[in-house]
Amino acid sequence: MSEPLEHYRPYLELLARMRLDPRYQAKVDCSDIVQQTLLQAHQGWSGYRGTTEGELMGWLRQILARNLAHVFRDLGRDKRDIAREQPLVAHLDQSSTRLEAWLASQESSPSQRAVRNEDFSRLSTALTRLNDAQRAAVELHYWHGWTLAEIGAHLNRSPSAVAGLLHRGLAALRADLQS
């Protein structure tokens, strides 16, 4: 069952990148967290009881949320404050909802949900095809809400260079998704 689960790697990587503060990239690699998630899903496959793709994606999000919680706990172990904790599953669901809002229409018949899930999967894969700078600019701006100046400082580029990255990245995404 590892190949069908592998199909969800871009989706999980995108959710992990969206949740992980980019300033932690030097300490944490999202692909390691996703690899651990897929390994745990593979090991627990016999206990999985879902029947739809949405249920499978939810199950994978829960495993990812647990793994991210462990990473966040380890990163903040010395300064842990229970009052500041927030449920990671809710954040991942919000991230997923924001992405799906890009693709969702008003109606939600089963066939439309299937098309939306396919579009979401294609978007996740298309993002992996962008160069690192374009992907970072798109993700930081649209999913983390950073300004061009903040992204520029993070990427060591001017705000106008970041605007160019966003423009070229979105154009590449559109072209990839239309093909």
N, C-alpha and C. Protein backbone atom coordinates (compact mmCIF):
# COMPACT_ATOMS: atom_id res chain seq x y z
N MET A 1 0.82 -1.20 0.00
CA MET A 1 0.00 0.00 0.00
C MET A 1 0.86 1.25 0.00
N SER A 2 2.19 1.13 -0.05
CA SER A 2 3.06 2.31 0.05
C SER A 2 2.94 3.23 -1.16
N GLU A 3 2.70 2.67 -2.36
CA GLU A 3 2.60 3.53 -3.53
C GLU A 3 1.40 4.46 -3.48
N PRO A 4 0.19 3.98 -3.12
CA PRO A 4 -0.93 4.92 -3.00
C PRO A 4 -0.69 5.99 -1.93
N LEU A 5 -0.05 5.62 -0.83
CA LEU A 5 0.25 6.61 0.20
C LEU A 5 1.28 7.61 -0.31
N GLU A 6 2.22 7.14 -1.11
CA GLU A 6 3.26 8.02 -1.67
C GLU A 6 2.63 9.12 -2.53
N HIS A 7 1.49 8.84 -3.11
CA HIS A 7 0.75 9.82 -3.92
C HIS A 7 0.44 11.08 -3.11
N TYR A 8 0.33 10.96 -1.79
CA TYR A 8 -0.04 12.08 -0.92
C TYR A 8 1.17 12.85 -0.38
N ARG A 9 2.39 12.46 -0.78
CA ARG A 9 3.59 13.14 -0.29
C ARG A 9 3.56 14.64 -0.60
N PRO A 10 3.30 15.09 -1.83
CA PRO A 10 3.28 16.54 -2.09
C PRO A 10 2.25 17.27 -1.23
N TYR A 11 1.08 16.67 -1.05
CA TYR A 11 0.02 17.25 -0.22
C TYR A 11 0.51 17.43 1.22
N LEU A 12 1.10 16.39 1.78
CA LEU A 12 1.58 16.45 3.16
C LEU A 12 2.75 17.42 3.31
N GLU A 13 3.64 17.44 2.31
CA GLU A 13 4.76 18.38 2.37
C GLU A 13 4.27 19.82 2.35
N LEU A 14 3.28 20.08 1.54
CA LEU A 14 2.71 21.43 1.48
C LEU A 14 2.08 21.81 2.82
N LEU A 15 1.31 20.91 3.40
CA LEU A 15 0.70 21.21 4.70
C LEU A 15 1.76 21.42 5.77
N ALA A 16 2.81 20.61 5.74
CA ALA A 16 3.88 20.75 6.74
C ALA A 16 4.61 22.09 6.55
N ARG A 17 4.90 22.46 5.30
CA ARG A 17 5.56 23.75 5.05
C ARG A 17 4.68 24.91 5.47
N MET A 18 3.36 24.76 5.26
CA MET A 18 2.44 25.83 5.63
C MET A 18 2.38 26.01 7.14
N ARG A 19 2.50 24.94 7.88
CA ARG A 19 2.38 25.01 9.34
C ARG A 19 3.70 25.38 10.00
N LEU A 20 4.81 24.97 9.41
CA LEU A 20 6.12 25.19 10.02
C LEU A 20 6.62 26.60 9.70
N ASP A 21 6.94 27.34 10.73
CA ASP A 21 7.46 28.69 10.54
C ASP A 21 8.74 28.61 9.72
N PRO A 22 8.85 29.37 8.64
CA PRO A 22 10.03 29.30 7.77
C PRO A 22 11.34 29.58 8.51
N ARG A 23 11.27 30.25 9.63
CA ARG A 23 12.50 30.54 10.38
C ARG A 23 13.08 29.28 11.02
N TYR A 24 12.30 28.19 11.07
CA TYR A 24 12.79 26.93 11.63
C TYR A 24 13.37 26.01 10.56
N GLN A 25 13.41 26.46 9.32
CA GLN A 25 13.86 25.58 8.24
C GLN A 25 15.27 25.06 8.45
N ALA A 26 16.11 25.82 9.13
CA ALA A 26 17.47 25.35 9.39
C ALA A 26 17.48 24.20 10.40
N LYS A 27 16.46 24.13 11.23
CA LYS A 27 16.42 23.11 12.27
C LYS A 27 15.57 21.91 11.90
N VAL A 28 14.57 22.11 11.06
CA VAL A 28 13.60 21.05 10.76
C VAL A 28 13.42 20.95 9.25
N ASP A 29 13.44 19.73 8.75
CA ASP A 29 13.19 19.50 7.33
C ASP A 29 11.80 18.88 7.18
N CYS A 30 10.93 19.56 6.45
CA CYS A 30 9.56 19.08 6.28
C CYS A 30 9.52 17.69 5.65
N SER A 31 10.45 17.40 4.75
CA SER A 31 10.42 16.09 4.11
C SER A 31 10.68 14.97 5.12
N ASP A 32 11.46 15.24 6.17
CA ASP A 32 11.67 14.23 7.22
C ASP A 32 10.37 13.97 7.98
N ILE A 33 9.64 15.03 8.27
CA ILE A 33 8.38 14.88 8.99
C ILE A 33 7.37 14.11 8.14
N VAL A 34 7.33 14.42 6.86
CA VAL A 34 6.40 13.74 5.94
C VAL A 34 6.81 12.27 5.79
N GLN A 35 8.09 12.01 5.70
CA GLN A 35 8.56 10.63 5.60
C GLN A 35 8.12 9.83 6.82
N GLN A 36 8.27 10.41 8.00
CA GLN A 36 7.84 9.75 9.24
C GLN A 36 6.32 9.52 9.22
N THR A 37 5.59 10.50 8.72
CA THR A 37 4.13 10.38 8.62
C THR A 37 3.74 9.22 7.71
N LEU A 38 4.36 9.14 6.54
CA LEU A 38 4.04 8.07 5.60
C LEU A 38 4.44 6.71 6.15
N LEU A 39 5.56 6.66 6.86
CA LEU A 39 6.00 5.41 7.49
C LEU A 39 4.97 4.95 8.53
N GLN A 40 4.53 5.87 9.37
CA GLN A 40 3.53 5.52 10.38
C GLN A 40 2.21 5.13 9.74
N ALA A 41 1.82 5.79 8.66
CA ALA A 41 0.59 5.42 7.96
C ALA A 41 0.72 4.02 7.38
N HIS A 42 1.85 3.72 6.79
CA HIS A 42 2.07 2.39 6.23
C HIS A 42 2.01 1.33 7.33
N GLN A 43 2.65 1.62 8.47
CA GLN A 43 2.66 0.67 9.58
C GLN A 43 1.27 0.49 10.18
N GLY A 44 0.46 1.53 10.17
CA GLY A 44 -0.87 1.46 10.76
C GLY A 44 -1.97 1.18 9.75
N TRP A 45 -1.61 0.84 8.52
CA TRP A 45 -2.60 0.67 7.46
C TRP A 45 -3.65 -0.38 7.81
N SER A 46 -3.25 -1.44 8.49
CA SER A 46 -4.22 -2.50 8.81
C SER A 46 -5.32 -1.99 9.75
N GLY A 47 -5.05 -0.94 10.51
CA GLY A 47 -6.05 -0.38 11.42
C GLY A 47 -6.87 0.73 10.81
N TYR A 48 -6.55 1.14 9.58
CA TYR A 48 -7.30 2.21 8.92
C TYR A 48 -8.66 1.70 8.50
N ARG A 49 -9.72 2.45 8.83
CA ARG A 49 -11.08 2.00 8.55
C ARG A 49 -11.83 2.92 7.59
N GLY A 50 -11.19 3.94 7.06
CA GLY A 50 -11.88 4.86 6.16
C GLY A 50 -12.18 4.22 4.81
N THR A 51 -13.10 4.87 4.08
CA THR A 51 -13.49 4.34 2.77
C THR A 51 -13.35 5.36 1.65
N THR A 52 -13.21 6.64 2.00
CA THR A 52 -13.15 7.67 0.97
C THR A 52 -11.78 8.33 0.97
N GLU A 53 -11.50 9.03 -0.11
CA GLU A 53 -10.23 9.75 -0.20
C GLU A 53 -10.17 10.85 0.84
N GLY A 54 -11.29 11.50 1.11
CA GLY A 54 -11.33 12.54 2.13
C GLY A 54 -10.99 12.00 3.51
N GLU A 55 -11.50 10.81 3.81
CA GLU A 55 -11.18 10.19 5.10
C GLU A 55 -9.70 9.84 5.19
N LEU A 56 -9.14 9.35 4.08
CA LEU A 56 -7.72 9.02 4.05
C LEU A 56 -6.88 10.28 4.26
N MET A 57 -7.26 11.37 3.58
CA MET A 57 -6.52 12.62 3.73
C MET A 57 -6.62 13.14 5.16
N GLY A 58 -7.78 13.01 5.79
CA GLY A 58 -7.95 13.41 7.18
C GLY A 58 -7.09 12.57 8.11
N TRP A 59 -7.04 11.26 7.86
CA TRP A 59 -6.22 10.36 8.67
C TRP A 59 -4.73 10.73 8.54
N LEU A 60 -4.29 10.99 7.32
CA LEU A 60 -2.90 11.40 7.12
C LEU A 60 -2.61 12.74 7.79
N ARG A 61 -3.58 13.68 7.74
CA ARG A 61 -3.41 14.98 8.42
C ARG A 61 -3.25 14.79 9.92
N GLN A 62 -4.00 13.86 10.50
CA GLN A 62 -3.89 13.60 11.95
C GLN A 62 -2.51 13.06 12.30
N ILE A 63 -2.00 12.15 11.50
CA ILE A 63 -0.66 11.60 11.75
C ILE A 63 0.37 12.71 11.61
N LEU A 64 0.23 13.53 10.57
CA LEU A 64 1.15 14.66 10.37
C LEU A 64 1.08 15.62 11.55
N ALA A 65 -0.12 15.90 12.03
CA ALA A 65 -0.28 16.82 13.17
C ALA A 65 0.44 16.28 14.40
N ARG A 66 0.33 14.98 14.65
CA ARG A 66 1.04 14.39 15.79
C ARG A 66 2.55 14.54 15.64
N ASN A 67 3.04 14.29 14.43
CA ASN A 67 4.48 14.41 14.20
C ASN A 67 4.96 15.85 14.33
N LEU A 68 4.16 16.79 13.83
CA LEU A 68 4.51 18.21 13.99
C LEU A 68 4.46 18.61 15.45
N ALA A 69 3.51 18.08 16.20
CA ALA A 69 3.43 18.39 17.63
C ALA A 69 4.70 17.94 18.35
N HIS A 70 5.21 16.77 17.97
CA HIS A 70 6.45 16.29 18.58
C HIS A 70 7.62 17.22 18.23
N VAL A 71 7.67 17.66 16.99
CA VAL A 71 8.74 18.58 16.57
C VAL A 71 8.64 19.89 17.32
N PHE A 72 7.43 20.46 17.40
CA PHE A 72 7.25 21.73 18.10
C PHE A 72 7.57 21.59 19.58
N ARG A 73 7.20 20.47 20.16
CA ARG A 73 7.51 20.22 21.56
C ARG A 73 9.03 20.19 21.75
N ASP A 74 9.72 19.51 20.84
CA ASP A 74 11.17 19.42 20.95
C ASP A 74 11.84 20.79 20.75
N LEU A 75 11.30 21.59 19.82
CA LEU A 75 11.88 22.91 19.57
C LEU A 75 11.68 23.85 20.75
N GLY A 76 10.58 23.71 21.46
CA GLY A 76 10.29 24.63 22.56
C GLY A 76 10.37 23.98 23.92
N ARG A 77 11.09 22.87 24.01
CA ARG A 77 11.11 22.09 25.24
C ARG A 77 11.48 22.92 26.46
N ASP A 78 12.47 23.78 26.34
CA ASP A 78 12.93 24.56 27.50
C ASP A 78 11.94 25.65 27.88
N LYS A 79 11.12 26.11 26.95
CA LYS A 79 10.22 27.24 27.20
C LYS A 79 8.77 26.85 27.06
N ARG A 80 8.43 25.63 27.26
CA ARG A 80 7.08 25.18 27.01
C ARG A 80 6.08 25.85 27.94
N ASP A 81 4.99 26.33 27.35
CA ASP A 81 3.95 27.00 28.10
C ASP A 81 2.61 26.42 27.66
N ILE A 82 1.96 25.67 28.53
CA ILE A 82 0.70 25.00 28.19
C ILE A 82 -0.35 25.99 27.69
N ALA A 83 -0.38 27.19 28.25
CA ALA A 83 -1.40 28.17 27.88
C ALA A 83 -1.26 28.63 26.43
N ARG A 84 -0.08 28.49 25.86
CA ARG A 84 0.15 28.94 24.49
C ARG A 84 -0.07 27.85 23.46
N GLU A 85 -0.28 26.62 23.89
CA GLU A 85 -0.46 25.52 22.95
C GLU A 85 -1.76 25.67 22.18
N GLN A 86 -1.72 25.28 20.91
CA GLN A 86 -2.90 25.31 20.06
C GLN A 86 -2.99 23.95 19.36
N PRO A 87 -4.19 23.45 19.13
CA PRO A 87 -4.31 22.14 18.50
C PRO A 87 -3.80 22.17 17.05
N LEU A 88 -2.84 21.30 16.75
CA LEU A 88 -2.25 21.27 15.41
C LEU A 88 -3.21 20.74 14.36
N VAL A 89 -4.07 19.82 14.73
CA VAL A 89 -5.02 19.29 13.76
C VAL A 89 -5.89 20.44 13.23
N ALA A 90 -6.29 21.34 14.11
CA ALA A 90 -7.11 22.47 13.68
C ALA A 90 -6.34 23.36 12.71
N HIS A 91 -5.05 23.60 13.00
CA HIS A 91 -4.23 24.41 12.09
C HIS A 91 -4.07 23.74 10.74
N LEU A 92 -3.83 22.43 10.74
CA LEU A 92 -3.69 21.73 9.47
C LEU A 92 -5.00 21.72 8.70
N ASP A 93 -6.10 21.56 9.41
CA ASP A 93 -7.40 21.61 8.75
C ASP A 93 -7.64 22.99 8.16
N GLN A 94 -7.23 24.05 8.90
CA GLN A 94 -7.37 25.41 8.39
C GLN A 94 -6.51 25.61 7.15
N SER A 95 -5.26 25.10 7.20
CA SER A 95 -4.37 25.20 6.05
C SER A 95 -4.97 24.49 4.85
N SER A 96 -5.49 23.29 5.09
CA SER A 96 -6.12 22.52 4.03
C SER A 96 -7.33 23.26 3.49
N THR A 97 -8.12 23.86 4.38
CA THR A 97 -9.30 24.60 3.96
C THR A 97 -8.92 25.80 3.11
N ARG A 98 -7.85 26.51 3.51
CA ARG A 98 -7.40 27.66 2.71
C ARG A 98 -6.99 27.23 1.32
N LEU A 99 -6.27 26.11 1.22
CA LEU A 99 -5.88 25.63 -0.10
C LEU A 99 -7.09 25.21 -0.91
N GLU A 100 -8.00 24.49 -0.28
CA GLU A 100 -9.18 24.01 -0.99
C GLU A 100 -10.06 25.18 -1.42
N ALA A 101 -10.03 26.28 -0.68
CA ALA A 101 -10.83 27.45 -1.05
C ALA A 101 -10.38 28.01 -2.39
N TRP A 102 -9.11 27.83 -2.71
CA TRP A 102 -8.61 28.25 -4.02
C TRP A 102 -9.33 27.50 -5.12
N LEU A 103 -9.66 26.26 -4.84
CA LEU A 103 -10.16 25.37 -5.87
C LEU A 103 -11.65 25.09 -5.76
N ALA A 104 -12.24 25.40 -4.62
CA ALA A 104 -13.62 24.98 -4.35
C ALA A 104 -14.63 25.86 -5.05
N SER A 105 -15.73 25.24 -5.41
CA SER A 105 -16.85 26.00 -5.95
C SER A 105 -17.96 26.00 -4.90
N GLN A 106 -19.07 26.67 -5.20
CA GLN A 106 -20.16 26.77 -4.25
C GLN A 106 -20.81 25.41 -3.99
N GLU A 107 -20.97 24.61 -5.03
CA GLU A 107 -21.63 23.32 -4.87
C GLU A 107 -20.64 22.28 -4.39
N SER A 108 -21.17 21.19 -3.80
CA SER A 108 -20.28 20.15 -3.32
C SER A 108 -20.90 18.77 -3.50
N SER A 109 -21.27 18.46 -4.73
CA SER A 109 -21.76 17.12 -5.01
C SER A 109 -20.57 16.15 -4.94
N PRO A 110 -20.81 14.87 -4.84
CA PRO A 110 -19.70 13.92 -4.78
C PRO A 110 -18.75 14.04 -5.96
N SER A 111 -19.27 14.24 -7.15
CA SER A 111 -18.39 14.37 -8.31
C SER A 111 -17.57 15.65 -8.24
N GLN A 112 -18.17 16.72 -7.74
CA GLN A 112 -17.42 17.98 -7.61
C GLN A 112 -16.36 17.87 -6.53
N ARG A 113 -16.65 17.16 -5.45
CA ARG A 113 -15.64 16.95 -4.41
C ARG A 113 -14.49 16.12 -4.96
N ALA A 114 -14.80 15.13 -5.77
CA ALA A 114 -13.75 14.30 -6.36
C ALA A 114 -12.86 15.15 -7.27
N VAL A 115 -13.47 16.00 -8.06
CA VAL A 115 -12.70 16.90 -8.94
C VAL A 115 -11.86 17.85 -8.10
N ARG A 116 -12.44 18.39 -7.03
CA ARG A 116 -11.72 19.32 -6.16
C ARG A 116 -10.53 18.63 -5.51
N ASN A 117 -10.71 17.39 -5.04
CA ASN A 117 -9.60 16.64 -4.45
C ASN A 117 -8.50 16.41 -5.47
N GLU A 118 -8.88 16.10 -6.71
CA GLU A 118 -7.89 15.91 -7.77
C GLU A 118 -7.16 17.23 -8.05
N ASP A 119 -7.91 18.34 -8.10
CA ASP A 119 -7.29 19.64 -8.32
C ASP A 119 -6.32 19.99 -7.19
N PHE A 120 -6.73 19.68 -5.98
CA PHE A 120 -5.89 19.96 -4.81
C PHE A 120 -4.60 19.15 -4.89
N SER A 121 -4.71 17.92 -5.29
CA SER A 121 -3.53 17.07 -5.45
C SER A 121 -2.63 17.62 -6.55
N ARG A 122 -3.25 18.07 -7.66
CA ARG A 122 -2.46 18.64 -8.76
C ARG A 122 -1.75 19.93 -8.31
N LEU A 123 -2.43 20.75 -7.50
CA LEU A 123 -1.81 21.97 -6.98
C LEU A 123 -0.61 21.63 -6.11
N SER A 124 -0.76 20.66 -5.23
CA SER A 124 0.35 20.25 -4.37
C SER A 124 1.55 19.82 -5.20
N THR A 125 1.28 19.03 -6.23
CA THR A 125 2.35 18.54 -7.10
C THR A 125 2.96 19.69 -7.91
N ALA A 126 2.11 20.59 -8.42
CA ALA A 126 2.61 21.72 -9.21
C ALA A 126 3.52 22.62 -8.36
N LEU A 127 3.19 22.79 -7.11
CA LEU A 127 4.05 23.60 -6.24
C LEU A 127 5.44 23.00 -6.10
N THR A 128 5.53 21.67 -6.12
CA THR A 128 6.85 21.04 -6.00
C THR A 128 7.69 21.27 -7.25
N ARG A 129 7.04 21.61 -8.36
CA ARG A 129 7.78 21.84 -9.61
C ARG A 129 8.35 23.26 -9.72
N LEU A 130 7.88 24.17 -8.87
CA LEU A 130 8.44 25.53 -8.87
C LEU A 130 9.85 25.48 -8.31
N ASN A 131 10.67 26.46 -8.72
CA ASN A 131 11.99 26.52 -8.09
C ASN A 131 11.81 26.96 -6.64
N ASP A 132 12.82 26.73 -5.82
CA ASP A 132 12.70 26.94 -4.38
C ASP A 132 12.28 28.37 -4.03
N ALA A 133 12.85 29.35 -4.71
CA ALA A 133 12.55 30.75 -4.39
C ALA A 133 11.10 31.10 -4.73
N GLN A 134 10.62 30.64 -5.89
CA GLN A 134 9.24 30.91 -6.27
C GLN A 134 8.27 30.22 -5.32
N ARG A 135 8.54 28.96 -5.00
CA ARG A 135 7.66 28.23 -4.08
C ARG A 135 7.63 28.91 -2.72
N ALA A 136 8.79 29.30 -2.22
CA ALA A 136 8.84 29.96 -0.92
C ALA A 136 8.06 31.27 -0.95
N ALA A 137 8.23 32.06 -2.01
CA ALA A 137 7.51 33.33 -2.11
C ALA A 137 6.00 33.12 -2.15
N VAL A 138 5.55 32.16 -2.94
CA VAL A 138 4.11 31.89 -3.05
C VAL A 138 3.56 31.43 -1.71
N GLU A 139 4.24 30.48 -1.08
CA GLU A 139 3.75 29.94 0.19
C GLU A 139 3.77 30.99 1.30
N LEU A 140 4.86 31.75 1.40
CA LEU A 140 4.95 32.76 2.45
C LEU A 140 3.90 33.85 2.27
N HIS A 141 3.67 34.25 1.02
CA HIS A 141 2.72 35.34 0.78
C HIS A 141 1.27 34.86 0.92
N TYR A 142 0.92 33.77 0.26
CA TYR A 142 -0.48 33.37 0.21
C TYR A 142 -0.93 32.52 1.39
N TRP A 143 -0.02 31.77 2.02
CA TRP A 143 -0.46 30.91 3.11
C TRP A 143 0.02 31.35 4.48
N HIS A 144 1.08 32.13 4.51
CA HIS A 144 1.53 32.65 5.80
C HIS A 144 1.19 34.13 5.96
N GLY A 145 0.77 34.77 4.87
CA GLY A 145 0.34 36.15 4.94
C GLY A 145 1.46 37.16 5.09
N TRP A 146 2.67 36.79 4.70
CA TRP A 146 3.80 37.71 4.82
C TRP A 146 3.72 38.78 3.74
N THR A 147 4.25 39.95 4.07
CA THR A 147 4.33 41.04 3.09
C THR A 147 5.53 40.81 2.18
N LEU A 148 5.58 41.56 1.09
CA LEU A 148 6.72 41.45 0.17
C LEU A 148 8.03 41.80 0.88
N ALA A 149 7.98 42.81 1.75
CA ALA A 149 9.19 43.21 2.48
C ALA A 149 9.66 42.10 3.43
N GLU A 150 8.72 41.45 4.11
CA GLU A 150 9.09 40.36 5.03
C GLU A 150 9.68 39.18 4.25
N ILE A 151 9.07 38.86 3.12
CA ILE A 151 9.59 37.77 2.30
C ILE A 151 10.97 38.13 1.77
N GLY A 152 11.11 39.40 1.33
CA GLY A 152 12.40 39.85 0.82
C GLY A 152 13.50 39.73 1.87
N ALA A 153 13.21 40.11 3.10
CA ALA A 153 14.19 40.00 4.17
C ALA A 153 14.54 38.54 4.43
N HIS A 154 13.54 37.68 4.38
CA HIS A 154 13.76 36.25 4.63
C HIS A 154 14.58 35.60 3.51
N LEU A 155 14.31 36.01 2.26
CA LEU A 155 14.99 35.41 1.11
C LEU A 155 16.20 36.21 0.65
N ASN A 156 16.51 37.30 1.35
CA ASN A 156 17.63 38.19 0.97
C ASN A 156 17.44 38.74 -0.44
N ARG A 157 16.23 39.26 -0.68
CA ARG A 157 15.90 39.86 -1.98
C ARG A 157 15.11 41.13 -1.75
N SER A 158 15.07 41.96 -2.76
CA SER A 158 14.28 43.19 -2.66
C SER A 158 12.80 42.87 -2.81
N PRO A 159 11.93 43.76 -2.30
CA PRO A 159 10.49 43.53 -2.49
C PRO A 159 10.09 43.42 -3.96
N SER A 160 10.74 44.18 -4.84
CA SER A 160 10.39 44.07 -6.26
C SER A 160 10.84 42.73 -6.83
N ALA A 161 11.95 42.19 -6.34
CA ALA A 161 12.38 40.86 -6.78
C ALA A 161 11.40 39.79 -6.30
N VAL A 162 10.88 39.98 -5.08
CA VAL A 162 9.89 39.05 -4.55
C VAL A 162 8.61 39.12 -5.38
N ALA A 163 8.21 40.33 -5.78
CA ALA A 163 7.02 40.48 -6.62
C ALA A 163 7.21 39.72 -7.93
N GLY A 164 8.42 39.78 -8.48
CA GLY A 164 8.72 39.03 -9.70
C GLY A 164 8.63 37.53 -9.47
N LEU A 165 9.15 37.07 -8.33
CA LEU A 165 9.05 35.65 -8.00
C LEU A 165 7.60 35.21 -7.90
N LEU A 166 6.77 36.04 -7.25
CA LEU A 166 5.35 35.72 -7.12
C LEU A 166 4.68 35.67 -8.49
N HIS A 167 4.96 36.66 -9.32
CA HIS A 167 4.35 36.74 -10.64
C HIS A 167 4.73 35.51 -11.47
N ARG A 168 6.03 35.19 -11.52
CA ARG A 168 6.48 34.04 -12.31
C ARG A 168 5.99 32.72 -11.70
N GLY A 169 5.97 32.64 -10.39
CA GLY A 169 5.49 31.42 -9.73
C GLY A 169 4.03 31.16 -10.01
N LEU A 170 3.19 32.20 -9.90
CA LEU A 170 1.76 32.04 -10.18
C LEU A 170 1.52 31.72 -11.65
N ALA A 171 2.30 32.34 -12.54
CA ALA A 171 2.16 32.04 -13.97
C ALA A 171 2.51 30.58 -14.24
N ALA A 172 3.57 30.09 -13.61
CA ALA A 172 3.97 28.70 -13.79
C ALA A 172 2.92 27.75 -13.23
N LEU A 173 2.34 28.11 -12.08
CA LEU A 173 1.28 27.28 -11.49
C LEU A 173 0.07 27.21 -12.42
N ARG A 174 -0.34 28.37 -12.93
CA ARG A 174 -1.49 28.40 -13.84
C ARG A 174 -1.24 27.53 -15.07
N ALA A 175 -0.05 27.69 -15.66
CA ALA A 175 0.27 26.91 -16.86
C ALA A 175 0.29 25.41 -16.54
N ASP A 176 0.88 25.06 -15.42
CA ASP A 176 0.95 23.65 -15.03
C ASP A 176 -0.43 23.08 -14.76
N LEU A 177 -1.28 23.84 -14.09
CA LEU A 177 -2.61 23.34 -13.75
C LEU A 177 -3.56 23.30 -14.95
N GLN A 178 -3.29 24.12 -15.97
CA GLN A 178 -4.15 24.12 -17.16
C GLN A 178 -3.78 23.03 -18.14
N SER A 179 -2.58 22.48 -18.00
CA SER A 179 -2.16 21.43 -18.96
C SER A 179 -2.73 20.09 -18.62
